Protein backbone atom coordinates (compact mmCIF):
# COMPACT_ATOMS: atom_id res chain seq x y z
CA MET A 1 -21.54 -22.00 -37.88
CA LYS A 2 -22.48 -24.59 -35.32
CA LYS A 3 -19.66 -26.66 -33.64
CA PHE A 4 -20.17 -30.15 -32.48
CA LYS A 5 -17.59 -32.50 -30.94
CA ALA A 6 -16.87 -35.55 -33.21
CA LEU A 7 -15.86 -38.66 -31.28
CA VAL A 8 -13.32 -39.89 -33.69
CA LEU A 9 -10.95 -41.25 -31.18
CA ALA A 10 -12.31 -40.16 -27.80
CA GLY A 11 -9.72 -39.57 -25.19
CA VAL A 12 -6.86 -40.28 -27.46
CA LEU A 13 -6.72 -37.66 -30.08
CA ALA A 14 -5.84 -34.13 -29.06
CA MET A 15 -9.16 -32.72 -30.55
CA SER A 16 -11.91 -33.67 -32.88
CA THR A 17 -14.33 -31.13 -34.07
CA VAL A 18 -17.22 -31.03 -36.49
CA LEU A 19 -18.34 -27.84 -38.22
CA THR A 20 -21.70 -28.57 -39.63
CA ALA A 21 -23.20 -26.50 -42.45
CA CYS A 22 -26.75 -25.11 -41.76
CA GLY A 23 -28.50 -25.04 -45.14
CA ALA A 24 -25.26 -24.12 -46.99
CA GLY A 25 -25.13 -25.00 -50.61
CA GLY A 26 -22.39 -26.65 -52.51
CA GLY A 27 -23.21 -30.34 -52.57
CA ASN A 28 -20.68 -33.28 -53.03
CA ALA A 29 -18.03 -31.87 -55.30
CA GLY A 30 -20.15 -28.89 -56.13
CA GLY A 31 -23.31 -30.16 -57.42
CA GLY A 32 -25.62 -32.57 -55.51
CA GLY A 33 -27.17 -30.50 -52.68
CA GLY A 34 -26.17 -30.38 -49.10
CA ALA A 35 -22.82 -29.97 -47.42
CA ILE A 36 -19.59 -31.55 -48.78
CA LYS A 37 -18.27 -33.81 -46.02
CA VAL A 38 -14.56 -33.40 -45.41
CA GLY A 39 -12.47 -35.36 -42.79
CA VAL A 40 -9.05 -33.77 -41.95
CA VAL A 41 -6.43 -35.79 -40.25
CA ASN A 42 -3.73 -33.41 -39.07
CA ASN A 43 -1.06 -32.72 -36.40
CA PRO A 44 -2.34 -30.68 -33.37
CA PRO A 45 -2.16 -26.91 -33.51
CA SER A 46 0.05 -27.05 -30.38
CA GLU A 47 2.83 -28.60 -32.40
CA SER A 48 4.10 -25.20 -33.65
CA GLY A 49 3.18 -21.74 -35.01
CA TYR A 50 3.20 -23.22 -38.42
CA ARG A 51 0.60 -25.90 -37.47
CA GLU A 52 -1.64 -23.43 -35.76
CA ALA A 53 -1.75 -21.35 -38.99
CA ASN A 54 -2.35 -24.50 -41.00
CA VAL A 55 -5.29 -25.53 -38.75
CA LYS A 56 -6.91 -22.16 -38.73
CA ASP A 57 -6.59 -21.95 -42.57
CA MET A 58 -8.30 -25.44 -42.86
CA GLU A 59 -11.13 -24.34 -40.57
CA LYS A 60 -11.54 -21.14 -42.34
CA VAL A 61 -11.74 -22.55 -45.88
CA PHE A 62 -13.72 -25.71 -45.11
CA SER A 63 -16.48 -23.87 -43.29
CA ALA A 64 -20.15 -24.12 -43.23
CA GLU A 65 -20.40 -20.78 -44.92
CA ASN A 66 -18.31 -22.33 -47.82
CA GLY A 67 -20.55 -25.29 -48.07
CA TYR A 68 -18.71 -27.87 -46.03
CA GLU A 69 -19.20 -30.14 -43.02
CA LEU A 70 -15.85 -30.41 -41.55
CA LYS A 71 -14.64 -33.18 -39.25
CA THR A 72 -11.04 -32.86 -37.79
CA ALA A 73 -8.76 -35.12 -35.79
CA TYR A 74 -5.36 -34.30 -34.44
CA SER A 75 -2.47 -36.34 -33.33
CA LEU A 76 1.28 -36.55 -33.48
CA LYS A 77 1.09 -40.35 -33.57
CA ASN A 78 0.71 -42.23 -36.78
CA ASP A 79 -1.39 -45.08 -35.31
CA GLU A 80 -3.85 -42.61 -33.84
CA GLN A 81 -4.08 -40.77 -37.15
CA LEU A 82 -4.79 -44.03 -38.89
CA GLN A 83 -7.55 -44.95 -36.58
CA ALA A 84 -9.00 -41.44 -37.07
CA ALA A 85 -8.92 -41.81 -40.79
CA GLN A 86 -10.64 -45.13 -40.56
CA GLY A 87 -13.29 -43.49 -38.41
CA PHE A 88 -13.99 -40.91 -41.01
CA ILE A 89 -14.32 -43.54 -43.69
CA THR A 90 -16.86 -45.37 -41.58
CA GLU A 91 -18.72 -42.07 -41.02
CA GLY A 92 -18.90 -41.68 -44.81
CA VAL A 93 -17.06 -38.42 -45.53
CA ASP A 94 -16.81 -37.36 -49.15
CA TYR A 95 -13.20 -36.30 -48.96
CA LEU A 96 -10.35 -37.30 -46.68
CA LEU A 97 -7.45 -34.82 -46.17
CA ILE A 98 -4.23 -36.13 -44.57
CA SER A 99 -1.07 -34.52 -43.12
CA ALA A 100 0.64 -37.72 -41.87
CA ALA A 101 2.66 -37.88 -38.77
CA GLU A 102 4.82 -40.52 -40.54
CA THR A 103 5.45 -41.34 -44.19
CA THR A 104 4.60 -45.13 -43.86
CA GLY A 105 1.72 -47.28 -42.91
CA TRP A 106 -1.07 -45.69 -44.92
CA ASP A 107 -1.68 -48.12 -47.76
CA GLU A 108 -4.56 -50.09 -46.33
CA VAL A 109 -6.53 -47.10 -45.08
CA LEU A 110 -6.20 -45.26 -48.41
CA LYS A 111 -7.28 -48.45 -50.16
CA LYS A 112 -10.40 -48.61 -47.96
CA ALA A 113 -11.16 -45.00 -48.63
CA GLN A 114 -10.88 -45.65 -52.37
CA GLU A 115 -13.28 -48.71 -52.15
CA ALA A 116 -15.76 -46.56 -50.28
CA GLY A 117 -15.66 -43.90 -53.00
CA ILE A 118 -13.97 -41.35 -50.87
CA LYS A 119 -11.30 -39.10 -52.55
CA VAL A 120 -8.12 -38.43 -50.73
CA TYR A 121 -6.02 -35.31 -50.80
CA LEU A 122 -2.50 -35.10 -49.05
CA PHE A 123 -1.47 -31.74 -47.73
CA ASP A 124 1.70 -30.37 -46.17
CA ARG A 125 3.45 -33.79 -46.21
CA MET A 126 3.93 -36.60 -48.65
CA ILE A 127 3.38 -40.24 -47.67
CA ASP A 128 4.78 -43.37 -49.18
CA VAL A 129 1.88 -44.90 -51.11
CA ASP A 130 1.09 -45.38 -54.77
CA GLU A 131 -0.18 -42.17 -56.24
CA SER A 132 -3.28 -43.93 -57.60
CA LEU A 133 -4.57 -43.86 -53.94
CA TYR A 134 -4.92 -40.09 -53.76
CA GLU A 135 -6.28 -37.30 -56.01
CA ALA A 136 -3.36 -34.85 -55.44
CA ALA A 137 -0.77 -33.81 -52.81
CA VAL A 138 -0.57 -30.11 -52.05
CA VAL A 139 2.81 -29.99 -50.27
CA SER A 140 6.03 -28.23 -49.55
CA ASP A 141 9.12 -29.73 -51.08
CA MET A 142 10.82 -30.57 -47.81
CA ALA A 143 14.01 -31.91 -49.47
CA LYS A 144 14.34 -28.56 -51.26
CA GLU A 145 13.92 -26.74 -48.01
CA GLY A 146 16.81 -28.58 -46.56
CA GLU A 147 18.88 -28.10 -49.61
CA THR A 148 18.24 -24.39 -49.60
CA ALA A 149 19.14 -24.14 -45.97
CA VAL A 150 22.28 -26.25 -46.25
CA ASN A 151 23.50 -24.34 -49.47
CA TRP A 152 23.02 -21.02 -47.52
CA LEU A 153 25.11 -22.42 -44.66
CA LYS A 154 27.83 -23.39 -47.01
CA SER A 155 27.80 -20.06 -48.51
CA GLN A 156 28.76 -18.56 -45.15
CA ASN A 157 32.36 -20.03 -45.69
CA LEU A 158 32.88 -20.79 -42.01
CA GLY A 159 36.34 -22.08 -41.12
CA GLU A 160 34.74 -25.26 -39.82
CA TYR A 161 31.20 -26.51 -39.39
CA ASN A 162 30.49 -28.05 -35.97
CA VAL A 163 26.78 -28.61 -36.06
CA ILE A 164 24.14 -29.31 -33.38
CA HIS A 165 21.31 -30.78 -35.43
CA ILE A 166 17.94 -30.76 -33.70
CA GLN A 167 15.45 -32.93 -35.56
CA GLY A 168 11.71 -32.86 -35.76
CA ALA A 169 9.29 -35.83 -35.32
CA MET A 170 11.28 -38.78 -36.70
CA GLY A 171 9.87 -40.30 -39.92
CA SER A 172 7.79 -37.29 -40.81
CA ASP A 173 8.18 -35.86 -44.22
CA ALA A 174 9.38 -32.56 -42.84
CA GLN A 175 12.11 -34.22 -40.73
CA ILE A 176 13.26 -36.52 -43.59
CA GLY A 177 13.44 -33.64 -45.99
CA ARG A 178 15.17 -31.12 -43.75
CA THR A 179 17.65 -33.80 -42.60
CA GLY A 180 18.68 -35.14 -45.97
CA ALA A 181 20.92 -32.39 -47.23
CA LEU A 182 22.70 -32.00 -43.81
CA ASP A 183 23.22 -35.77 -43.66
CA ALA A 184 24.98 -35.62 -47.06
CA GLU A 185 27.35 -33.03 -45.67
CA PHE A 186 28.12 -35.13 -42.69
CA ALA A 187 28.78 -38.16 -44.87
CA ALA A 188 31.03 -36.12 -47.10
CA GLY A 189 33.03 -34.91 -44.09
CA THR A 190 32.45 -31.13 -45.02
CA MET A 191 30.54 -30.65 -41.78
CA ASN A 192 30.94 -32.23 -38.30
CA LYS A 193 28.06 -33.71 -36.56
CA VAL A 194 28.37 -32.64 -32.86
CA VAL A 195 25.01 -34.11 -32.06
CA GLN A 196 21.93 -35.16 -34.08
CA GLN A 197 18.85 -35.80 -31.94
CA THR A 198 15.16 -35.33 -32.22
CA ALA A 199 13.22 -32.94 -29.99
CA THR A 200 9.98 -33.86 -31.72
CA TRP A 201 9.25 -30.14 -32.60
CA ASP A 202 9.33 -29.28 -28.84
CA GLU A 203 11.10 -26.17 -27.66
CA ALA A 204 11.90 -27.48 -24.07
CA GLU A 205 13.48 -30.70 -25.48
CA ALA A 206 15.54 -28.76 -27.85
CA LYS A 207 16.85 -26.64 -24.94
CA LYS A 208 17.86 -29.75 -23.10
CA ILE A 209 19.84 -31.07 -26.20
CA VAL A 210 21.86 -27.90 -26.31
CA GLU A 211 22.32 -27.83 -22.62
CA SER A 212 23.81 -31.31 -22.68
CA VAL A 213 26.24 -30.35 -25.30
CA ILE A 214 27.32 -27.19 -23.42
CA ASN A 215 27.75 -29.20 -20.18
CA ALA A 216 29.84 -31.74 -22.00
CA GLY A 217 32.20 -28.98 -23.12
CA THR A 218 31.99 -29.87 -26.80
CA ASP A 219 32.71 -27.04 -29.28
CA PHE A 220 30.05 -25.99 -31.76
CA ASN A 221 29.28 -23.08 -33.96
CA VAL A 222 26.09 -24.01 -35.75
CA ILE A 223 22.57 -24.80 -34.55
CA TYR A 224 20.39 -26.31 -37.24
CA ALA A 225 16.89 -26.71 -35.78
CA GLU A 226 14.14 -28.17 -37.92
CA ASN A 227 11.47 -25.65 -36.68
CA ASP A 228 11.35 -22.22 -35.16
CA GLY A 229 10.16 -23.49 -31.70
CA MET A 230 13.21 -25.84 -31.38
CA ALA A 231 15.53 -23.06 -32.47
CA LYS A 232 13.96 -20.84 -29.80
CA GLY A 233 14.68 -23.48 -27.15
CA ALA A 234 18.31 -23.88 -28.38
CA VAL A 235 18.84 -20.11 -28.14
CA ALA A 236 17.46 -20.02 -24.54
CA ALA A 237 20.20 -22.51 -23.64
CA LEU A 238 22.79 -20.31 -25.35
CA ASP A 239 21.60 -17.23 -23.47
CA GLU A 240 21.54 -18.87 -20.08
CA ASN A 241 25.22 -19.81 -20.64
CA GLY A 242 26.37 -16.52 -22.02
CA ILE A 243 27.07 -17.83 -25.56
CA GLU A 244 26.84 -15.27 -28.35
CA HIS A 245 24.82 -16.07 -31.39
CA GLY A 246 23.50 -14.53 -34.49
CA VAL A 247 24.97 -12.19 -37.06
CA GLY A 248 28.77 -11.82 -36.60
CA LYS A 249 28.73 -13.83 -33.38
CA LYS A 250 30.06 -17.36 -32.34
CA VAL A 251 27.00 -19.49 -33.10
CA VAL A 252 24.99 -19.50 -36.33
CA VAL A 253 21.33 -20.14 -35.53
CA MET A 254 18.98 -21.66 -38.21
CA GLY A 255 15.20 -22.38 -38.01
CA PHE A 256 12.35 -23.22 -40.32
CA ASP A 257 8.57 -22.13 -40.69
CA CYS A 258 8.95 -18.29 -40.70
CA ASN A 259 6.86 -17.36 -37.74
CA LYS A 260 6.75 -13.49 -37.45
CA TRP A 261 8.46 -13.68 -34.02
CA ALA A 262 11.25 -15.82 -35.45
CA LEU A 263 11.74 -13.48 -38.45
CA ARG A 264 11.94 -10.58 -35.97
CA GLU A 265 14.80 -12.44 -34.24
CA LEU A 266 16.60 -12.61 -37.64
CA LYS A 267 15.94 -8.83 -38.15
CA ALA A 268 17.44 -8.05 -34.77
CA GLY A 269 20.55 -10.17 -35.81
CA ASN A 270 19.92 -12.75 -33.06
CA TRP A 271 19.28 -15.61 -35.58
CA ASN A 272 20.93 -15.98 -39.05
CA TYR A 273 18.48 -18.01 -41.21
CA ASP A 274 14.88 -19.13 -41.43
CA GLY A 275 13.49 -21.41 -44.07
CA GLN A 276 10.01 -20.82 -45.33
CA CYS A 277 7.32 -23.52 -45.16
CA SER A 278 3.88 -22.39 -46.23
CA PRO A 279 0.92 -23.70 -44.29
CA PHE A 280 -1.78 -22.53 -46.73
CA GLN A 281 -3.00 -25.52 -48.71
CA ALA A 282 -6.73 -25.46 -48.01
CA GLN A 283 -7.94 -23.14 -50.77
CA ILE A 284 -6.05 -24.95 -53.40
CA ILE A 285 -7.68 -28.16 -52.24
CA SER A 286 -11.17 -26.57 -52.03
CA ASP A 287 -10.84 -25.23 -55.50
CA LEU A 288 -9.99 -28.71 -56.81
CA ILE A 289 -12.90 -30.25 -54.99
CA LYS A 290 -15.47 -27.74 -56.31
CA SER A 291 -14.15 -27.85 -59.85
CA GLY A 292 -15.30 -31.45 -60.03
CA LYS A 293 -12.28 -32.11 -62.24
CA ALA A 294 -9.13 -34.23 -61.78
CA PRO A 295 -6.08 -32.15 -61.12
CA SER A 296 -3.58 -31.73 -63.88
CA SER A 297 -0.77 -32.81 -61.60
CA LYS A 298 -0.61 -35.31 -58.69
CA LYS A 299 1.90 -33.17 -56.82
CA ILE A 300 1.33 -29.46 -56.29
CA ILE A 301 4.29 -27.63 -54.71
CA ASN A 302 4.16 -24.53 -52.66
CA GLU A 303 6.92 -22.22 -53.79
CA GLU A 304 9.09 -21.28 -50.84
CA LYS A 305 12.45 -19.58 -50.01
CA GLY A 306 14.94 -19.00 -47.19
CA PHE A 307 15.59 -15.66 -45.40
CA ASP A 308 19.00 -14.36 -44.36
CA ALA A 309 19.16 -12.07 -41.44
CA THR A 310 21.36 -9.59 -43.29
CA THR A 311 18.89 -8.94 -46.15
CA LEU A 312 15.54 -9.54 -44.38
CA THR A 313 13.13 -6.53 -44.56
CA ASP A 314 10.11 -5.54 -42.57
CA ALA A 315 8.15 -6.08 -45.75
CA ASP A 316 9.27 -9.75 -45.92
CA ILE A 317 8.10 -10.22 -42.33
CA ASP A 318 4.63 -8.70 -43.09
CA GLN A 319 4.35 -10.72 -46.34
CA TYR A 320 5.75 -14.10 -45.32
CA GLY A 321 5.60 -14.24 -41.47
CA LEU A 322 3.06 -16.54 -39.78
CA GLY A 323 1.06 -15.44 -36.66
CA GLU A 324 1.59 -12.13 -34.89
């Protein structure tokens, strides 16, 4: 497999790579000869362990060996992603795959893709467009992830819930979904919002948020972080200030994504909960492309679960954990 740099948005996007098929069969949608050209607009692998696994999965499935010519563009900014998608349309890809930084702003680009005869698949995250503009969305149910996590938290029957809520990138499907159920508890008065602030998936920013609460002397007993990296940053702040956390301790720690290192923190009793978010959508999309048939459903949901530190097993870590 030969690798060439694709100048999709030079100097702006985190990375843009072309993996070009050398004499590989396959053809457009499995029949016309030559490689199937796929443009993937995604968040950068540095965003999180989840995203790193997602990017590797895309590169593995949409490889030259499997009959594809893959072009990728990575950014956490919606406007940069939109420009990258437009670049792929101009280049004439056969398929455009999108994991959007934000849920809005995609109508015109997807209309241009449709006019150019380019089929669009959404993955990982939904966006707010008419479903006629894409073939299918292979996604996690982010709202259900949030509901599962909050229901677990309520089942702990704490005397009170004073929550530090550390959000992901604002406006992303993951942030909106994982925030929704907790916001409902805040609105109902069943849980107290100590602080609700975005760390944009960043570990260091999450640490600063928790440090500011500690320095202010505000009481809290729950940290609800919308990914594992931010939960790790939050725990670092607790450790530096001698605040106990985890099973049977003062502060309940919750994360999302199920990185193996995070699940090991659960197993050790240092964290309490981790919500699964599957990064593996590529093979489902490839199968749909090569079938040449329209999918039976516009929305294909990855089945996911939440893990409790008191019941998590080594087998769970091996089966569901991401990375090493």
